[in-house]
N, C-alpha and C. Protein backbone atom coordinates (compact mmCIF):
# COMPACT_ATOMS: atom_id res chain seq x y z
N UNK A 1 0.77 -0.98 -0.08
CA UNK A 1 -0.17 -0.30 -0.05
C UNK A 1 0.88 1.33 -0.19
N UNK A 2 0.93 2.31 -0.79
CA UNK A 2 1.35 3.42 -1.12
C UNK A 2 0.40 4.79 -0.39
N UNK A 3 1.48 5.08 0.64
CA UNK A 3 0.93 6.60 1.90
C UNK A 3 0.94 7.48 1.00
N UNK A 4 1.93 7.49 0.21
CA UNK A 4 2.07 9.07 -0.06
C UNK A 4 1.48 8.73 -1.59
N UNK A 5 0.49 9.74 -2.02
CA UNK A 5 -0.21 9.33 -3.22
C UNK A 5 0.40 10.36 -4.05
N UNK A 6 0.24 11.70 -3.66
CA UNK A 6 0.53 12.45 -4.93
C UNK A 6 2.05 13.36 -5.10
N UNK A 7 2.25 13.75 -6.19
CA UNK A 7 3.92 14.46 -6.42
C UNK A 7 4.16 15.39 -5.29
N UNK A 8 5.51 15.42 -4.56
CA UNK A 8 5.75 16.43 -3.93
C UNK A 8 5.74 17.77 -4.56
N UNK A 9 5.10 19.13 -3.61
CA UNK A 9 5.43 20.31 -4.20
C UNK A 9 5.90 21.22 -2.90
N UNK A 10 5.92 22.27 -3.46
CA UNK A 10 6.54 23.53 -2.62
C UNK A 10 5.18 23.49 -1.75
N UNK A 11 5.65 24.00 -0.18
CA UNK A 11 4.56 24.50 0.95
C UNK A 11 4.15 25.70 1.35
N UNK A 12 3.53 26.29 0.99
CA UNK A 12 3.82 27.76 1.73
C UNK A 12 2.86 28.19 2.95
N UNK A 13 3.74 29.03 4.18
CA UNK A 13 2.92 28.60 5.22
C UNK A 13 3.04 30.31 5.46
N UNK A 14 1.95 30.58 5.75
CA UNK A 14 1.87 32.39 6.17
C UNK A 14 3.01 33.27 5.11
N UNK A 15 2.69 32.77 4.35
CA UNK A 15 4.01 33.68 2.92
C UNK A 15 5.41 33.01 3.39
N UNK A 16 5.54 32.17 3.65
CA UNK A 16 6.69 31.53 3.59
C UNK A 16 7.27 30.40 3.16
N UNK A 17 7.58 29.59 2.15
CA UNK A 17 8.05 28.67 1.58
C UNK A 17 8.71 27.59 2.91
N UNK A 18 8.11 26.51 3.31
CA UNK A 18 8.89 25.79 3.76
C UNK A 18 9.71 25.10 3.71
N UNK A 19 10.88 24.88 3.78
CA UNK A 19 12.36 24.60 4.11
C UNK A 19 12.25 23.05 5.39
N UNK A 20 12.63 21.84 4.84
CA UNK A 20 12.98 20.76 5.53
C UNK A 20 14.00 21.17 6.44
N UNK A 21 13.54 20.99 8.09
CA UNK A 21 14.44 21.45 8.94
C UNK A 21 15.38 20.39 9.58
N UNK A 22 15.65 19.41 8.21
CA UNK A 22 16.74 18.04 8.33
C UNK A 22 17.76 18.49 7.34
N UNK A 23 17.49 18.85 6.12
CA UNK A 23 18.00 18.53 4.99
C UNK A 23 18.20 19.84 4.13
N UNK A 24 16.98 20.60 4.17
CA UNK A 24 17.04 22.25 3.98
C UNK A 24 16.22 22.24 2.80
N UNK A 25 16.14 20.71 2.10
CA UNK A 25 15.10 21.00 0.48
C UNK A 25 13.23 21.30 1.17
N UNK A 26 12.96 21.22 -0.09
CA UNK A 26 11.84 22.20 -1.06
C UNK A 26 10.51 21.40 -1.18
N UNK A 27 10.80 20.49 -1.17
CA UNK A 27 9.79 19.03 -1.79
C UNK A 27 8.61 18.65 -0.58
N UNK A 28 7.67 18.24 -0.48
CA UNK A 28 7.21 17.80 0.98
C UNK A 28 6.04 17.48 -0.05
N UNK A 29 5.04 15.97 0.31
CA UNK A 29 4.46 15.44 0.75
C UNK A 29 3.10 15.85 1.59
N UNK A 30 2.22 15.91 1.31
CA UNK A 30 1.01 16.52 2.51
C UNK A 30 0.12 14.96 2.63
N UNK A 31 -0.02 15.12 4.32
CA UNK A 31 -1.35 14.63 4.43
C UNK A 31 -1.51 14.89 5.94
N UNK A 32 -2.70 14.62 6.69
CA UNK A 32 -3.56 14.49 7.57
C UNK A 32 -2.82 13.51 8.73
N UNK A 33 -2.75 14.31 9.92
CA UNK A 33 -2.16 13.28 11.12
C UNK A 33 -3.26 13.63 12.02
N UNK A 34 -3.96 12.59 12.89
CA UNK A 34 -4.60 12.58 14.26
C UNK A 34 -3.44 12.92 15.42
N UNK A 35 -3.53 13.84 16.14
CA UNK A 35 -2.25 13.45 17.43
C UNK A 35 -3.63 12.84 18.71
N UNK A 36 -2.80 12.46 18.84
CA UNK A 36 -3.29 11.27 19.96
C UNK A 36 -1.89 11.32 21.37
N UNK A 37 -2.23 10.71 22.63
CA UNK A 37 -1.43 10.49 23.38
C UNK A 37 -1.65 9.34 24.29
N UNK A 38 -1.12 8.92 24.82
CA UNK A 38 -1.43 7.80 25.85
C UNK A 38 -1.53 8.03 27.17
N UNK A 39 -2.47 9.47 27.01
CA UNK A 39 -2.88 10.39 28.72
C UNK A 39 -4.63 9.56 29.10
N UNK A 40 -4.52 9.54 30.24
CA UNK A 40 -5.62 8.89 31.00
C UNK A 40 -7.06 9.89 30.13
N UNK A 41 -7.86 9.29 29.57
CA UNK A 41 -9.35 10.06 28.91
C UNK A 41 -9.69 11.11 30.16
N UNK A 42 -10.24 12.42 29.41
CA UNK A 42 -10.56 13.49 30.05
C UNK A 42 -9.31 14.34 31.06
N UNK A 43 -8.08 13.67 30.82
CA UNK A 43 -7.07 14.74 31.04
C UNK A 43 -6.02 14.95 29.88
N UNK A 44 -6.46 14.87 28.94
CA UNK A 44 -5.71 15.49 27.78
C UNK A 44 -6.06 16.77 27.53
N UNK A 45 -5.27 17.99 27.18
CA UNK A 45 -5.66 19.31 27.20
C UNK A 45 -6.15 19.00 25.64
N UNK A 46 -6.34 20.03 25.44
CA UNK A 46 -7.07 20.50 23.86
C UNK A 46 -6.95 19.96 22.64
N UNK A 47 -5.21 20.81 22.39
CA UNK A 47 -4.41 20.53 21.58
C UNK A 47 -4.03 19.07 21.07
N UNK A 48 -4.48 18.13 22.16
CA UNK A 48 -3.66 16.80 21.84
C UNK A 48 -5.04 16.30 21.27
N UNK A 49 -5.89 16.10 21.12
CA UNK A 49 -7.49 15.60 20.41
C UNK A 49 -7.23 16.59 18.84
N UNK A 50 -6.43 16.91 18.62
CA UNK A 50 -6.69 17.95 17.09
C UNK A 50 -5.94 17.29 16.25
N UNK A 51 -6.02 17.65 15.04
CA UNK A 51 -5.54 16.99 13.66
C UNK A 51 -4.73 17.93 13.08
N UNK A 52 -3.82 17.45 12.48
CA UNK A 52 -2.42 18.57 11.97
C UNK A 52 -2.42 18.12 10.46
N UNK A 53 -1.26 19.31 10.09
CA UNK A 53 -0.94 18.70 8.62
C UNK A 53 0.32 18.34 8.53
N UNK A 54 0.40 17.05 8.22
CA UNK A 54 1.64 16.62 8.14
C UNK A 54 2.54 16.74 7.03
N UNK A 55 3.74 17.63 6.49
CA UNK A 55 4.36 17.88 5.36
C UNK A 55 6.00 16.83 5.73
N UNK A 56 5.79 15.87 5.03
CA UNK A 56 6.90 14.47 4.59
C UNK A 56 8.04 15.41 3.65
N UNK A 57 9.32 15.62 4.31
CA UNK A 57 10.21 15.64 3.08
C UNK A 57 10.25 14.81 2.09
N UNK A 58 10.37 15.24 0.82
CA UNK A 58 10.36 14.34 -0.65
C UNK A 58 12.00 13.57 -0.60
N UNK A 59 12.61 13.96 0.72
CA UNK A 59 14.00 13.86 -0.02
C UNK A 59 14.64 12.94 1.18
N UNK A 60 14.37 13.36 2.11
CA UNK A 60 14.76 12.82 3.84
C UNK A 60 13.40 12.16 4.59
N UNK A 61 12.34 12.33 4.13
CA UNK A 61 11.35 11.84 5.10
C UNK A 61 11.03 12.34 6.43
N UNK A 62 12.00 13.31 7.05
CA UNK A 62 11.14 13.93 8.17
C UNK A 62 10.02 15.04 8.03
N UNK A 63 9.18 14.44 8.97
CA UNK A 63 7.93 15.08 9.13
C UNK A 63 7.98 16.28 9.94
N UNK A 64 7.13 17.02 9.28
CA UNK A 64 6.88 18.35 9.93
C UNK A 64 5.31 18.35 10.28
N UNK A 65 4.78 18.88 11.65
CA UNK A 65 3.55 19.02 12.08
C UNK A 65 2.96 20.13 12.13
N UNK A 66 1.80 20.49 11.87
CA UNK A 66 1.31 22.10 12.00
C UNK A 66 0.12 21.68 12.20
N UNK A 67 -0.69 21.93 13.51
CA UNK A 67 -1.88 21.95 13.82
C UNK A 67 -3.13 22.87 13.10
N UNK A 68 -3.88 22.17 12.70
CA UNK A 68 -4.97 22.63 11.91
C UNK A 68 -6.01 23.42 13.07
N UNK A 69 -6.25 24.92 12.95
CA UNK A 69 -6.87 25.38 13.87
C UNK A 69 -8.54 25.69 13.15
């Protein structure tokens, strides 16, 4: 099963092009990720039950997560 379906693209966030923090390249695959923890139910801060945009570097695979608000 292929997890990254689309071709990699450049990502712009708040007017800035995203660069990989690991290898400094600018091509990413985009996915949605659900943020979960092992904390007991009812004790999780609100952000830990959120969804994030995950941008995966097409060169090294480093994952950059940004909360969707």
